[in-house]
């Protein structure tokens, strides 16, 4: 997968988080969104599923492949937030 730089658009490929905190397939410009820093600390896998928009298809295929790193990260995010999110 491509490396990330601050100028490229990033798309979040993880599961949608409760309460509108983060929605799957949202595109961000200018790097990682700062308002999510506390969630990145709570669940580092979230940051791993922000990918360059050009890698969307590859990443979604990898998420669907049982045992891939992306699939594991997706599961970790679900596990982290299965009780909901606190603001």
PDB file of N, CA and C in Angstrom:
ATOM      1  N   UNK A   1       0.836  -1.180   0.000  1.00  0.00           N
ATOM      2  CA  UNK A   1       0.000   0.000   0.000  1.00  0.00           C
ATOM      3  C   UNK A   1       0.882   1.245   0.000  1.00  0.00           C
ATOM      4  N   UNK A   2       0.315   2.315  -0.427  1.00  0.00           N
ATOM      5  CA  UNK A   2       1.067   3.563  -0.530  1.00  0.00           C
ATOM      6  C   UNK A   2       1.409   4.122   0.845  1.00  0.00           C
ATOM      7  N   UNK A   3       2.502   4.884   0.895  1.00  0.00           N
ATOM      8  CA  UNK A   3       2.811   5.574   2.143  1.00  0.00           C
ATOM      9  C   UNK A   3       1.981   6.849   2.207  1.00  0.00           C
ATOM     10  N   UNK A   4       1.774   7.317   3.424  1.00  0.00           N
ATOM     11  CA  UNK A   4       0.905   8.469   3.638  1.00  0.00           C
ATOM     12  C   UNK A   4       1.729   9.739   3.781  1.00  0.00           C
ATOM     13  N   UNK A   5       1.303  10.808   3.099  1.00  0.00           N
ATOM     14  CA  UNK A   5       1.886  12.125   3.336  1.00  0.00           C
ATOM     15  C   UNK A   5       0.760  13.101   3.625  1.00  0.00           C
ATOM     16  N   UNK A   6       1.102  14.236   4.191  1.00  0.00           N
ATOM     17  CA  UNK A   6       0.112  15.196   4.685  1.00  0.00           C
ATOM     18  C   UNK A   6      -0.765  15.804   3.596  1.00  0.00           C
ATOM     19  N   UNK A   7      -0.329  15.787   2.356  1.00  0.00           N
ATOM     20  CA  UNK A   7      -1.079  16.469   1.301  1.00  0.00           C
ATOM     21  C   UNK A   7      -2.102  15.579   0.608  1.00  0.00           C
ATOM     22  N   UNK A   8      -1.942  14.277   0.720  1.00  0.00           N
ATOM     23  CA  UNK A   8      -2.854  13.400  -0.006  1.00  0.00           C
ATOM     24  C   UNK A   8      -4.145  13.165   0.776  1.00  0.00           C
ATOM     25  N   UNK A   9      -5.260  13.025   0.060  1.00  0.00           N
ATOM     26  CA  UNK A   9      -6.511  12.708   0.739  1.00  0.00           C
ATOM     27  C   UNK A   9      -6.444  11.307   1.335  1.00  0.00           C
ATOM     28  N   UNK A  10      -6.967  11.178   2.540  1.00  0.00           N
ATOM     29  CA  UNK A  10      -7.029   9.886   3.212  1.00  0.00           C
ATOM     30  C   UNK A  10      -8.492   9.477   3.328  1.00  0.00           C
ATOM     31  N   UNK A  11      -8.731   8.190   3.201  1.00  0.00           N
ATOM     32  CA  UNK A  11     -10.086   7.674   3.360  1.00  0.00           C
ATOM     33  C   UNK A  11     -10.072   6.666   4.500  1.00  0.00           C
ATOM     34  N   UNK A  12     -11.084   6.756   5.350  1.00  0.00           N
ATOM     35  CA  UNK A  12     -11.196   5.847   6.487  1.00  0.00           C
ATOM     36  C   UNK A  12     -11.946   4.603   6.031  1.00  0.00           C
ATOM     37  N   UNK A  13     -11.315   3.441   6.181  1.00  0.00           N
ATOM     38  CA  UNK A  13     -11.882   2.172   5.712  1.00  0.00           C
ATOM     39  C   UNK A  13     -12.397   1.282   6.843  1.00  0.00           C
ATOM     40  N   UNK A  14     -12.275   1.745   8.059  1.00  0.00           N
ATOM     41  CA  UNK A  14     -12.749   0.951   9.193  1.00  0.00           C
ATOM     42  C   UNK A  14     -14.252   1.049   9.361  1.00  0.00           C
ATOM     43  N   UNK A  15     -14.766   0.362  10.381  1.00  0.00           N
ATOM     44  CA  UNK A  15     -16.207   0.402  10.624  1.00  0.00           C
ATOM     45  C   UNK A  15     -16.653   1.780  11.118  1.00  0.00           C
ATOM     46  N   UNK A  16     -17.880   2.122  10.828  1.00  0.00           N
ATOM     47  CA  UNK A  16     -18.451   3.369  11.322  1.00  0.00           C
ATOM     48  C   UNK A  16     -18.547   3.285  12.844  1.00  0.00           C
ATOM     49  N   UNK A  17     -18.088   4.345  13.507  1.00  0.00           N
ATOM     50  CA  UNK A  17     -18.147   4.384  14.966  1.00  0.00           C
ATOM     51  C   UNK A  17     -19.471   4.987  15.412  1.00  0.00           C
ATOM     52  N   UNK A  18     -19.965   4.552  16.570  1.00  0.00           N
ATOM     53  CA  UNK A  18     -21.248   5.053  17.065  1.00  0.00           C
ATOM     54  C   UNK A  18     -21.238   6.566  17.299  1.00  0.00           C
ATOM     55  N   UNK A  19     -22.438   7.119  17.332  1.00  0.00           N
ATOM     56  CA  UNK A  19     -22.674   8.527  17.652  1.00  0.00           C
ATOM     57  C   UNK A  19     -22.047   9.498  16.647  1.00  0.00           C
ATOM     58  N   UNK A  20     -21.809   9.034  15.433  1.00  0.00           N
ATOM     59  CA  UNK A  20     -21.297   9.917  14.396  1.00  0.00           C
ATOM     60  C   UNK A  20     -19.854  10.351  14.566  1.00  0.00           C
ATOM     61  N   UNK A  21     -19.096   9.628  15.398  1.00  0.00           N
ATOM     62  CA  UNK A  21     -17.699   9.990  15.645  1.00  0.00           C
ATOM     63  C   UNK A  21     -16.865   9.857  14.385  1.00  0.00           C
ATOM     64  N   UNK A  22     -17.077   8.768  13.636  1.00  0.00           N
ATOM     65  CA  UNK A  22     -16.296   8.507  12.427  1.00  0.00           C
ATOM     66  C   UNK A  22     -17.097   7.574  11.537  1.00  0.00           C
ATOM     67  N   UNK A  23     -17.227   7.950  10.267  1.00  0.00           N
ATOM     68  CA  UNK A  23     -18.023   7.181   9.323  1.00  0.00           C
ATOM     69  C   UNK A  23     -17.123   6.541   8.274  1.00  0.00           C
ATOM     70  N   UNK A  24     -17.391   5.265   8.007  1.00  0.00           N
ATOM     71  CA  UNK A  24     -16.624   4.545   6.992  1.00  0.00           C
ATOM     72  C   UNK A  24     -16.702   5.286   5.660  1.00  0.00           C
ATOM     73  N   UNK A  25     -15.581   5.318   4.970  1.00  0.00           N
ATOM     74  CA  UNK A  25     -15.406   5.907   3.644  1.00  0.00           C
ATOM     75  C   UNK A  25     -15.446   7.438   3.625  1.00  0.00           C
ATOM     76  N   UNK A  26     -15.240   8.057   4.787  1.00  0.00           N
ATOM     77  CA  UNK A  26     -15.118   9.507   4.826  1.00  0.00           C
ATOM     78  C   UNK A  26     -13.713   9.888   4.373  1.00  0.00           C
ATOM     79  N   UNK A  27     -13.623  10.906   3.533  1.00  0.00           N
ATOM     80  CA  UNK A  27     -12.333  11.364   3.012  1.00  0.00           C
ATOM     81  C   UNK A  27     -11.894  12.603   3.795  1.00  0.00           C
ATOM     82  N   UNK A  28     -10.628  12.622   4.187  1.00  0.00           N
ATOM     83  CA  UNK A  28     -10.041  13.751   4.906  1.00  0.00           C
ATOM     84  C   UNK A  28      -8.854  14.266   4.118  1.00  0.00           C
ATOM     85  N   UNK A  29      -8.698  15.575   4.120  1.00  0.00           N
ATOM     86  CA  UNK A  29      -7.551  16.206   3.465  1.00  0.00           C
ATOM     87  C   UNK A  29      -6.663  16.824   4.539  1.00  0.00           C
ATOM     88  N   UNK A  30      -5.361  16.871   4.288  1.00  0.00           N
ATOM     89  CA  UNK A  30      -4.450  17.517   5.229  1.00  0.00           C
ATOM     90  C   UNK A  30      -4.013  16.626   6.377  1.00  0.00           C
ATOM     91  N   UNK A  31      -3.988  15.341   6.167  1.00  0.00           N
ATOM     92  CA  UNK A  31      -3.516  14.425   7.209  1.00  0.00           C
ATOM     93  C   UNK A  31      -4.645  13.891   8.074  1.00  0.00           C
ATOM     94  N   UNK A  32      -4.239  13.280   9.177  1.00  0.00           N
ATOM     95  CA  UNK A  32      -5.208  12.675  10.085  1.00  0.00           C
ATOM     96  C   UNK A  32      -6.000  13.763  10.807  1.00  0.00           C
ATOM     97  N   UNK A  33      -7.302  13.573  10.978  1.00  0.00           N
ATOM     98  CA  UNK A  33      -8.116  14.582  11.661  1.00  0.00           C
ATOM     99  C   UNK A  33      -7.773  14.663  13.153  1.00  0.00           C
ATOM    100  N   UNK A  34      -7.403  15.848  13.589  1.00  0.00           N
ATOM    101  CA  UNK A  34      -6.951  16.048  14.973  1.00  0.00           C
ATOM    102  C   UNK A  34      -8.048  15.753  15.992  1.00  0.00           C
ATOM    103  N   UNK A  35      -9.310  15.957  15.629  1.00  0.00           N
ATOM    104  CA  UNK A  35     -10.389  15.720  16.588  1.00  0.00           C
ATOM    105  C   UNK A  35     -10.541  14.241  16.957  1.00  0.00           C
ATOM    106  N   UNK A  36      -9.824  13.367  16.251  1.00  0.00           N
ATOM    107  CA  UNK A  36      -9.884  11.937  16.546  1.00  0.00           C
ATOM    108  C   UNK A  36      -8.713  11.444  17.383  1.00  0.00           C
ATOM    109  N   UNK A  37      -7.819  12.335  17.783  1.00  0.00           N
ATOM    110  CA  UNK A  37      -6.614  11.909  18.502  1.00  0.00           C
ATOM    111  C   UNK A  37      -6.921  11.043  19.721  1.00  0.00           C
ATOM    112  N   UNK A  38      -7.936  11.386  20.508  1.00  0.00           N
ATOM    113  CA  UNK A  38      -8.233  10.583  21.695  1.00  0.00           C
ATOM    114  C   UNK A  38      -8.697   9.177  21.305  1.00  0.00           C
ATOM    115  N   UNK A  39      -9.358   9.048  20.152  1.00  0.00           N
ATOM    116  CA  UNK A  39      -9.790   7.732  19.695  1.00  0.00           C
ATOM    117  C   UNK A  39      -8.611   6.926  19.140  1.00  0.00           C
ATOM    118  N   UNK A  40      -7.652   7.618  18.521  1.00  0.00           N
ATOM    119  CA  UNK A  40      -6.440   6.941  18.053  1.00  0.00           C
ATOM    120  C   UNK A  40      -5.687   6.344  19.246  1.00  0.00           C
ATOM    121  N   UNK A  41      -5.648   7.079  20.349  1.00  0.00           N
ATOM    122  CA  UNK A  41      -4.981   6.579  21.563  1.00  0.00           C
ATOM    123  C   UNK A  41      -5.745   5.402  22.152  1.00  0.00           C
ATOM    124  N   UNK A  42      -7.057   5.497  22.154  1.00  0.00           N
ATOM    125  CA  UNK A  42      -7.903   4.449  22.714  1.00  0.00           C
ATOM    126  C   UNK A  42      -7.827   3.171  21.881  1.00  0.00           C
ATOM    127  N   UNK A  43      -7.724   3.325  20.560  1.00  0.00           N
ATOM    128  CA  UNK A  43      -7.733   2.175  19.656  1.00  0.00           C
ATOM    129  C   UNK A  43      -6.822   2.478  18.461  1.00  0.00           C
ATOM    130  N   UNK A  44      -5.537   2.164  18.578  1.00  0.00           N
ATOM    131  CA  UNK A  44      -4.569   2.484  17.513  1.00  0.00           C
ATOM    132  C   UNK A  44      -4.921   1.907  16.137  1.00  0.00           C
ATOM    133  N   UNK A  45      -5.723   0.862  16.102  1.00  0.00           N
ATOM    134  CA  UNK A  45      -6.090   0.258  14.816  1.00  0.00           C
ATOM    135  C   UNK A  45      -6.857   1.233  13.929  1.00  0.00           C
ATOM    136  N   UNK A  46      -7.547   2.198  14.521  1.00  0.00           N
ATOM    137  CA  UNK A  46      -8.303   3.175  13.721  1.00  0.00           C
ATOM    138  C   UNK A  46      -7.371   3.875  12.740  1.00  0.00           C
ATOM    139  N   UNK A  47      -6.254   4.347  13.238  1.00  0.00           N
ATOM    140  CA  UNK A  47      -5.320   5.100  12.393  1.00  0.00           C
ATOM    141  C   UNK A  47      -4.778   4.234  11.262  1.00  0.00           C
ATOM    142  N   UNK A  48      -4.663   2.946  11.499  1.00  0.00           N
ATOM    143  CA  UNK A  48      -4.128   2.035  10.476  1.00  0.00           C
ATOM    144  C   UNK A  48      -5.081   1.871   9.294  1.00  0.00           C
ATOM    145  N   UNK A  49      -6.354   2.160   9.519  1.00  0.00           N
ATOM    146  CA  UNK A  49      -7.316   2.006   8.430  1.00  0.00           C
ATOM    147  C   UNK A  49      -7.667   3.331   7.752  1.00  0.00           C
ATOM    148  N   UNK A  50      -6.835   4.340   7.941  1.00  0.00           N
ATOM    149  CA  UNK A  50      -6.856   5.546   7.118  1.00  0.00           C
ATOM    150  C   UNK A  50      -5.824   5.294   6.033  1.00  0.00           C
ATOM    151  N   UNK A  51      -6.256   5.282   4.800  1.00  0.00           N
ATOM    152  CA  UNK A  51      -5.347   4.963   3.696  1.00  0.00           C
ATOM    153  C   UNK A  51      -5.481   6.029   2.604  1.00  0.00           C
ATOM    154  N   UNK A  52      -4.462   6.148   1.752  1.00  0.00           N
ATOM    155  CA  UNK A  52      -4.611   7.036   0.597  1.00  0.00           C
ATOM    156  C   UNK A  52      -5.838   6.598  -0.206  1.00  0.00           C
ATOM    157  N   UNK A  53      -6.584   7.554  -0.708  1.00  0.00           N
ATOM    158  CA  UNK A  53      -7.805   7.234  -1.454  1.00  0.00           C
ATOM    159  C   UNK A  53      -7.529   6.257  -2.592  1.00  0.00           C
ATOM    160  N   UNK A  54      -6.359   6.323  -3.162  1.00  0.00           N
ATOM    161  CA  UNK A  54      -6.008   5.420  -4.267  1.00  0.00           C
ATOM    162  C   UNK A  54      -5.915   3.962  -3.816  1.00  0.00           C
ATOM    163  N   UNK A  55      -5.816   3.725  -2.506  1.00  0.00           N
ATOM    164  CA  UNK A  55      -5.710   2.357  -1.974  1.00  0.00           C
ATOM    165  C   UNK A  55      -7.040   1.814  -1.465  1.00  0.00           C
ATOM    166  N   UNK A  56      -8.129   2.522  -1.703  1.00  0.00           N
ATOM    167  CA  UNK A  56      -9.427   2.101  -1.172  1.00  0.00           C
ATOM    168  C   UNK A  56      -9.776   0.669  -1.571  1.00  0.00           C
ATOM    169  N   UNK A  57      -9.742   0.359  -2.854  1.00  0.00           N
ATOM    170  CA  UNK A  57     -10.141  -0.981  -3.302  1.00  0.00           C
ATOM    171  C   UNK A  57      -9.267  -2.064  -2.709  1.00  0.00           C
ATOM    172  N   UNK A  58      -7.953  -1.862  -2.719  1.00  0.00           N
ATOM    173  CA  UNK A  58      -7.036  -2.859  -2.150  1.00  0.00           C
ATOM    174  C   UNK A  58      -7.317  -3.078  -0.675  1.00  0.00           C
ATOM    175  N   UNK A  59      -7.563  -1.992   0.033  1.00  0.00           N
ATOM    176  CA  UNK A  59      -7.790  -2.083   1.474  1.00  0.00           C
ATOM    177  C   UNK A  59      -9.103  -2.804   1.771  1.00  0.00           C
ATOM    178  N   UNK A  60     -10.159  -2.483   1.044  1.00  0.00           N
ATOM    179  CA  UNK A  60     -11.446  -3.139   1.287  1.00  0.00           C
ATOM    180  C   UNK A  60     -11.371  -4.629   0.958  1.00  0.00           C
ATOM    181  N   UNK A  61     -10.618  -4.987  -0.068  1.00  0.00           N
ATOM    182  CA  UNK A  61     -10.421  -6.411  -0.365  1.00  0.00           C
ATOM    183  C   UNK A  61      -9.661  -7.095   0.768  1.00  0.00           C
ATOM    184  N   UNK A  62      -8.638  -6.427   1.282  1.00  0.00           N
ATOM    185  CA  UNK A  62      -7.848  -6.992   2.381  1.00  0.00           C
ATOM    186  C   UNK A  62      -8.697  -7.138   3.644  1.00  0.00           C
ATOM    187  N   UNK A  63      -9.577  -6.182   3.912  1.00  0.00           N
ATOM    188  CA  UNK A  63     -10.454  -6.273   5.082  1.00  0.00           C
ATOM    189  C   UNK A  63     -11.345  -7.507   4.987  1.00  0.00           C
ATOM    190  N   UNK A  64     -11.779  -7.832   3.791  1.00  0.00           N
ATOM    191  CA  UNK A  64     -12.679  -8.982   3.619  1.00  0.00           C
ATOM    192  C   UNK A  64     -11.948 -10.328   3.669  1.00  0.00           C
ATOM    193  N   UNK A  65     -10.619 -10.291   3.700  1.00  0.00           N
ATOM    194  CA  UNK A  65      -9.824 -11.523   3.719  1.00  0.00           C
ATOM    195  C   UNK A  65      -9.499 -11.896   5.168  1.00  0.00           C
ATOM    196  N   UNK A  66     -10.126 -12.945   5.664  1.00  0.00           N
ATOM    197  CA  UNK A  66      -9.927 -13.389   7.043  1.00  0.00           C
ATOM    198  C   UNK A  66      -8.448 -13.588   7.346  1.00  0.00           C
ATOM    199  N   UNK A  67      -8.009 -12.986   8.444  1.00  0.00           N
ATOM    200  CA  UNK A  67      -6.630 -13.143   8.889  1.00  0.00           C
ATOM    201  C   UNK A  67      -5.659 -12.102   8.385  1.00  0.00           C
ATOM    202  N   UNK A  68      -6.074 -11.279   7.412  1.00  0.00           N
ATOM    203  CA  UNK A  68      -5.174 -10.220   6.945  1.00  0.00           C
ATOM    204  C   UNK A  68      -5.020  -9.182   8.043  1.00  0.00           C
ATOM    205  N   UNK A  69      -3.975  -8.393   7.977  1.00  0.00           N
ATOM    206  CA  UNK A  69      -3.762  -7.341   8.971  1.00  0.00           C
ATOM    207  C   UNK A  69      -4.962  -6.396   8.999  1.00  0.00           C
ATOM    208  N   UNK A  70      -5.444  -6.017   7.832  1.00  0.00           N
ATOM    209  CA  UNK A  70      -6.570  -5.090   7.746  1.00  0.00           C
ATOM    210  C   UNK A  70      -7.834  -5.686   8.375  1.00  0.00           C
ATOM    211  N   UNK A  71      -8.049  -6.975   8.159  1.00  0.00           N
ATOM    212  CA  UNK A  71      -9.190  -7.673   8.746  1.00  0.00           C
ATOM    213  C   UNK A  71      -9.086  -7.699  10.271  1.00  0.00           C
ATOM    214  N   UNK A  72      -7.895  -7.936  10.774  1.00  0.00           N
ATOM    215  CA  UNK A  72      -7.662  -7.950  12.224  1.00  0.00           C
ATOM    216  C   UNK A  72      -7.904  -6.561  12.802  1.00  0.00           C
ATOM    217  N   UNK A  73      -7.382  -5.518  12.159  1.00  0.00           N
ATOM    218  CA  UNK A  73      -7.567  -4.148  12.639  1.00  0.00           C
ATOM    219  C   UNK A  73      -9.047  -3.778  12.667  1.00  0.00           C
ATOM    220  N   UNK A  74      -9.778  -4.163  11.623  1.00  0.00           N
ATOM    221  CA  UNK A  74     -11.209  -3.885  11.548  1.00  0.00           C
ATOM    222  C   UNK A  74     -11.902  -4.508  12.763  1.00  0.00           C
ATOM    223  N   UNK A  75     -11.570  -5.758  13.051  1.00  0.00           N
ATOM    224  CA  UNK A  75     -12.143  -6.447  14.214  1.00  0.00           C
ATOM    225  C   UNK A  75     -11.765  -5.789  15.530  1.00  0.00           C
ATOM    226  N   UNK A  76     -10.529  -5.316  15.624  1.00  0.00           N
ATOM    227  CA  UNK A  76     -10.092  -4.634  16.846  1.00  0.00           C
ATOM    228  C   UNK A  76     -10.899  -3.363  17.081  1.00  0.00           C
ATOM    229  N   UNK A  77     -11.197  -2.645  16.023  1.00  0.00           N
ATOM    230  CA  UNK A  77     -11.976  -1.414  16.152  1.00  0.00           C
ATOM    231  C   UNK A  77     -13.392  -1.745  16.637  1.00  0.00           C
ATOM    232  N   UNK A  78     -13.991  -2.752  16.051  1.00  0.00           N
ATOM    233  CA  UNK A  78     -15.324  -3.169  16.497  1.00  0.00           C
ATOM    234  C   UNK A  78     -15.289  -3.525  17.980  1.00  0.00           C
ATOM    235  N   UNK A  79     -14.276  -4.274  18.377  1.00  0.00           N
ATOM    236  CA  UNK A  79     -14.144  -4.687  19.767  1.00  0.00           C
ATOM    237  C   UNK A  79     -13.951  -3.477  20.696  1.00  0.00           C
ATOM    238  N   UNK A  80     -13.140  -2.541  20.290  1.00  0.00           N
ATOM    239  CA  UNK A  80     -12.891  -1.347  21.106  1.00  0.00           C
ATOM    240  C   UNK A  80     -14.159  -0.552  21.381  1.00  0.00           C
ATOM    241  N   UNK A  81     -15.064  -0.525  20.417  1.00  0.00           N
ATOM    242  CA  UNK A  81     -16.217   0.371  20.521  1.00  0.00           C
ATOM    243  C   UNK A  81     -17.558  -0.359  20.599  1.00  0.00           C
ATOM    244  N   UNK A  82     -17.517  -1.652  20.934  1.00  0.00           N
ATOM    245  CA  UNK A  82     -18.788  -2.378  20.982  1.00  0.00           C
ATOM    246  C   UNK A  82     -19.708  -1.877  22.090  1.00  0.00           C
ATOM    247  N   UNK A  83     -19.152  -1.219  23.079  1.00  0.00           N
ATOM    248  CA  UNK A  83     -19.966  -0.617  24.128  1.00  0.00           C
ATOM    249  C   UNK A  83     -20.355   0.805  23.804  1.00  0.00           C
ATOM    250  N   UNK A  84     -20.025   1.285  22.615  1.00  0.00           N
ATOM    251  CA  UNK A  84     -20.295   2.668  22.226  1.00  0.00           C
ATOM    252  C   UNK A  84     -19.068   3.526  22.388  1.00  0.00           C
ATOM    253  N   UNK A  85     -19.216   4.791  22.192  1.00  0.00           N
ATOM    254  CA  UNK A  85     -18.112   5.729  22.353  1.00  0.00           C
ATOM    255  C   UNK A  85     -18.484   6.771  23.402  1.00  0.00           C
ATOM    256  N   UNK A  86     -17.478   7.249  24.077  1.00  0.00           N
ATOM    257  CA  UNK A  86     -17.722   8.336  25.013  1.00  0.00           C
ATOM    258  C   UNK A  86     -17.096   9.590  24.427  1.00  0.00           C
ATOM    259  N   UNK A  87     -17.712  10.700  24.651  1.00  0.00           N
ATOM    260  CA  UNK A  87     -17.211  11.945  24.076  1.00  0.00           C
ATOM    261  C   UNK A  87     -16.464  12.737  25.092  1.00  0.00           C
TER     262      UNK A  87
END
